[in-house]
Amino acid sequence: MYKMPYRRDVFCIEGHWSSDLRDKATVKHSLELLKDLRVVRQHFHERCRNRDDLFTLLRTWSQRSYAAYSVGYLAFHGDPGGLYLNGHTFVKLDEIADALGGRACGKLLHVGCCGTVDVDRRHLTRFLRTSGCEMICGYTETVDWVDSAAFEIMLFRDLQMRKTPRGIDSYLRNHREAWALARRLGFRMVYLRPDEK
């Protein structure tokens, strides 16, 4: 068992991966494993299908009563600059930032969606300024379900190990297995440098 400082609990909003109701694929099992291994103390997981659900959940995450949930995790299908709620409705990162409206101060956001962060760095720094998030990370490539699940377990563990995004970035890069998988998946982490704040 891992003994972590439990600095960051996880608030997960997940889309539906298929229109087939028999498809039970979910990231919730990975979150349960992290909890069972004591990597995270607790997690919140909710599925959503539409914009109203997504924006309501994002605003909930940004409330003071959810301050312990300092890691946000969006698990959806994606494309550069946004994500798909139900396979059809595309929501831009800018809309997500606007929904958070600067209230996500000090929070870290992992966008577990294929290709969503494959945009210009300026777009992501604008997201950070608008949302209030301290860091955004995700994938620039189309990712395999099993590979991304394995990486995200390591990522969420590593998010517990350092206080600042810069420290997390350094820690992850020095973790050979995690960094090799991160590179293969096109993982990208962006946080504001001192000259960008």
Protein backbone atom coordinates (compact mmCIF):
# COMPACT_ATOMS: atom_id res chain seq x y z
CA MET A 1 0.00 0.00 0.00
CA TYR A 2 1.07 3.52 -0.73
CA LYS A 3 1.13 6.13 2.00
CA MET A 4 0.55 9.51 0.43
CA PRO A 5 0.16 12.93 1.94
CA TYR A 6 -3.41 12.94 0.53
CA ARG A 7 -3.04 16.44 -0.70
CA ARG A 8 -5.36 16.03 -3.65
CA ASP A 9 -8.67 14.20 -3.99
CA VAL A 10 -10.13 13.64 -7.46
CA PHE A 11 -13.36 15.07 -8.90
CA CYS A 12 -14.17 13.12 -12.07
CA ILE A 13 -16.74 13.98 -14.71
CA GLU A 14 -17.09 11.22 -17.27
CA GLY A 15 -18.95 11.02 -20.55
CA HIS A 16 -20.56 7.97 -22.07
CA TRP A 17 -18.12 6.13 -24.32
CA SER A 18 -20.73 4.55 -26.57
CA SER A 19 -24.37 4.88 -27.53
CA ASP A 20 -24.68 1.13 -26.81
CA LEU A 21 -26.28 0.90 -23.34
CA ARG A 22 -24.60 -2.49 -22.81
CA ASP A 23 -21.16 -0.83 -22.95
CA LYS A 24 -20.13 -0.41 -19.31
CA ALA A 25 -16.66 1.07 -19.92
CA THR A 26 -15.75 3.58 -17.20
CA VAL A 27 -12.73 5.16 -15.54
CA LYS A 28 -14.42 4.70 -12.16
CA HIS A 29 -12.61 1.39 -11.61
CA SER A 30 -9.22 3.12 -11.86
CA LEU A 31 -10.37 5.69 -9.29
CA GLU A 32 -11.50 2.90 -6.96
CA LEU A 33 -8.08 1.24 -7.31
CA LEU A 34 -6.36 4.53 -6.41
CA LYS A 35 -8.56 4.79 -3.33
CA ASP A 36 -8.00 1.15 -2.34
CA LEU A 37 -4.23 1.65 -2.63
CA ARG A 38 -4.52 4.82 -0.53
CA VAL A 39 -3.09 6.94 -3.32
CA VAL A 40 -6.11 9.23 -3.01
CA ARG A 41 -8.25 9.55 0.07
CA GLN A 42 -11.50 10.02 -1.80
CA HIS A 43 -12.94 10.67 -5.22
CA PHE A 44 -16.16 11.93 -6.70
CA HIS A 45 -17.36 10.40 -9.97
CA GLU A 46 -20.36 11.46 -12.03
CA ARG A 47 -21.46 10.70 -15.60
CA CYS A 48 -22.91 13.41 -17.80
CA ARG A 49 -24.57 13.58 -21.21
CA ASN A 50 -25.23 17.26 -21.89
CA ARG A 51 -23.86 20.78 -21.50
CA ASP A 52 -26.06 21.64 -18.53
CA ASP A 53 -24.80 18.60 -16.60
CA LEU A 54 -21.19 19.39 -17.47
CA PHE A 55 -21.33 23.06 -16.56
CA THR A 56 -23.26 22.36 -13.33
CA LEU A 57 -20.66 19.77 -12.29
CA LEU A 58 -17.78 22.11 -13.17
CA ARG A 59 -19.30 24.89 -11.05
CA THR A 60 -19.82 22.38 -8.22
CA TRP A 61 -16.14 21.37 -8.41
CA SER A 62 -15.13 25.02 -8.08
CA GLN A 63 -17.18 25.56 -4.89
CA ARG A 64 -15.42 25.97 -1.55
CA SER A 65 -17.18 22.88 -0.17
CA TYR A 66 -15.23 20.80 -2.73
CA ALA A 67 -11.84 22.37 -2.00
CA ALA A 68 -10.30 19.00 -1.06
CA TYR A 69 -11.03 17.80 -4.60
CA SER A 70 -8.17 19.76 -6.07
CA VAL A 71 -7.71 17.46 -9.07
CA GLY A 72 -10.35 17.62 -11.76
CA TYR A 73 -10.54 14.75 -14.21
CA LEU A 74 -12.54 15.04 -17.43
CA ALA A 75 -12.93 11.66 -19.13
CA PHE A 76 -14.55 11.97 -22.58
CA HIS A 77 -13.87 11.49 -26.26
CA GLY A 78 -12.01 14.50 -27.56
CA ASP A 79 -10.42 16.40 -30.41
CA PRO A 80 -7.98 19.31 -30.37
CA GLY A 81 -9.42 22.15 -28.29
CA GLY A 82 -12.37 20.35 -26.75
CA LEU A 83 -14.34 17.24 -25.87
CA TYR A 84 -17.48 15.38 -26.97
CA LEU A 85 -20.28 14.96 -24.47
CA ASN A 86 -22.38 12.35 -26.22
CA GLY A 87 -20.46 11.65 -29.40
CA HIS A 88 -22.02 14.67 -31.11
CA THR A 89 -21.92 17.74 -28.89
CA PHE A 90 -18.48 19.37 -28.96
CA VAL A 91 -17.58 21.58 -25.98
CA LYS A 92 -14.55 23.82 -26.38
CA LEU A 93 -11.93 24.26 -23.68
CA ASP A 94 -12.81 27.97 -23.71
CA GLU A 95 -16.40 27.11 -22.71
CA ILE A 96 -15.10 24.97 -19.84
CA ALA A 97 -12.84 27.82 -18.70
CA ASP A 98 -15.77 30.24 -18.85
CA ALA A 99 -17.94 27.86 -16.79
CA LEU A 100 -15.24 27.78 -14.11
CA GLY A 101 -15.01 31.56 -14.33
CA GLY A 102 -11.80 31.99 -12.35
CA ARG A 103 -13.16 30.02 -9.37
CA ALA A 104 -10.86 26.99 -9.80
CA CYS A 105 -7.93 28.68 -8.05
CA GLY A 106 -5.18 26.25 -7.13
CA LYS A 107 -6.88 23.31 -8.84
CA LEU A 108 -5.25 20.94 -11.32
CA LEU A 109 -7.19 19.67 -14.33
CA HIS A 110 -6.44 16.45 -16.20
CA VAL A 111 -8.28 16.21 -19.48
CA GLY A 112 -8.31 12.48 -20.22
CA CYS A 113 -9.53 12.94 -23.78
CA CYS A 114 -7.82 12.05 -27.05
CA GLY A 115 -6.02 15.03 -28.56
CA THR A 116 -7.77 17.76 -26.56
CA VAL A 117 -4.60 19.60 -25.50
CA ASP A 118 -3.10 19.45 -29.01
CA VAL A 119 -3.48 23.22 -29.34
CA ASP A 120 -1.17 26.20 -29.15
CA ARG A 121 0.33 26.84 -25.70
CA ARG A 122 -1.24 30.32 -25.71
CA HIS A 123 -4.68 28.69 -25.90
CA LEU A 124 -3.90 26.63 -22.79
CA THR A 125 -2.43 29.56 -20.85
CA ARG A 126 -5.59 31.54 -21.67
CA PHE A 127 -7.58 28.57 -20.32
CA LEU A 128 -5.59 28.73 -17.06
CA ARG A 129 -6.09 32.47 -16.65
CA THR A 130 -9.82 32.30 -17.38
CA SER A 131 -10.59 29.18 -15.31
CA GLY A 132 -8.28 29.91 -12.40
CA CYS A 133 -6.75 26.42 -12.66
CA GLU A 134 -3.11 26.15 -11.71
CA MET A 135 -2.37 23.44 -14.28
CA ILE A 136 -3.95 21.64 -17.22
CA CYS A 137 -2.71 18.37 -18.64
CA GLY A 138 -3.89 15.80 -21.13
CA TYR A 139 -3.12 14.14 -24.43
CA THR A 140 -2.10 15.42 -27.85
CA GLU A 141 -2.66 12.02 -29.49
CA THR A 142 -5.37 9.42 -29.86
CA VAL A 143 -4.77 7.13 -26.89
CA ASP A 144 -5.39 3.47 -26.17
CA TRP A 145 -7.81 2.85 -23.28
CA VAL A 146 -5.54 0.44 -21.35
CA ASP A 147 -2.35 2.49 -21.88
CA SER A 148 -4.04 5.72 -20.79
CA ALA A 149 -5.59 4.00 -17.74
CA ALA A 150 -2.18 2.68 -16.69
CA PHE A 151 -0.61 6.10 -17.17
CA GLU A 152 -3.38 7.91 -15.31
CA ILE A 153 -2.93 5.66 -12.28
CA MET A 154 0.74 6.69 -12.24
CA LEU A 155 -0.14 10.34 -12.94
CA PHE A 156 -2.62 10.58 -10.07
CA ARG A 157 -0.05 8.97 -7.78
CA ASP A 158 2.59 11.45 -8.93
CA LEU A 159 0.20 14.39 -8.41
CA GLN A 160 0.28 13.46 -4.70
CA MET A 161 4.05 13.69 -4.49
CA ARG A 162 4.76 17.37 -5.10
CA LYS A 163 3.07 20.62 -4.16
CA THR A 164 3.57 22.76 -7.27
CA PRO A 165 2.91 22.01 -10.94
CA ARG A 166 6.58 22.59 -11.69
CA GLY A 167 7.54 20.04 -9.01
CA ILE A 168 4.96 17.58 -10.36
CA ASP A 169 6.32 18.03 -13.88
CA SER A 170 9.89 17.42 -12.71
CA TYR A 171 8.87 14.40 -10.60
CA LEU A 172 6.97 12.85 -13.52
CA ARG A 173 9.87 13.37 -15.95
CA ASN A 174 12.22 11.65 -13.50
CA HIS A 175 9.90 8.65 -13.15
CA ARG A 176 11.24 6.61 -16.07
CA GLU A 177 8.32 4.24 -16.67
CA ALA A 178 5.67 6.91 -16.34
CA TRP A 179 7.54 9.36 -18.56
CA ALA A 180 8.14 6.74 -21.31
CA LEU A 181 4.40 6.02 -21.40
CA ALA A 182 3.58 9.74 -21.20
CA ARG A 183 5.67 10.44 -24.28
CA ARG A 184 4.07 7.59 -26.21
CA LEU A 185 0.59 8.93 -25.36
CA GLY A 186 1.48 12.52 -26.28
CA PHE A 187 0.99 13.68 -22.68
CA ARG A 188 1.32 17.41 -22.17
CA MET A 189 1.28 19.50 -18.99
CA VAL A 190 0.94 23.28 -19.02
CA TYR A 191 1.14 25.67 -16.09
CA LEU A 192 1.85 29.37 -15.94
CA ARG A 193 5.49 30.33 -15.69
CA PRO A 194 6.25 33.28 -13.40
CA ASP A 195 6.57 35.62 -16.40
CA GLU A 196 3.10 34.56 -17.66
CA LYS A 197 1.16 35.28 -14.46
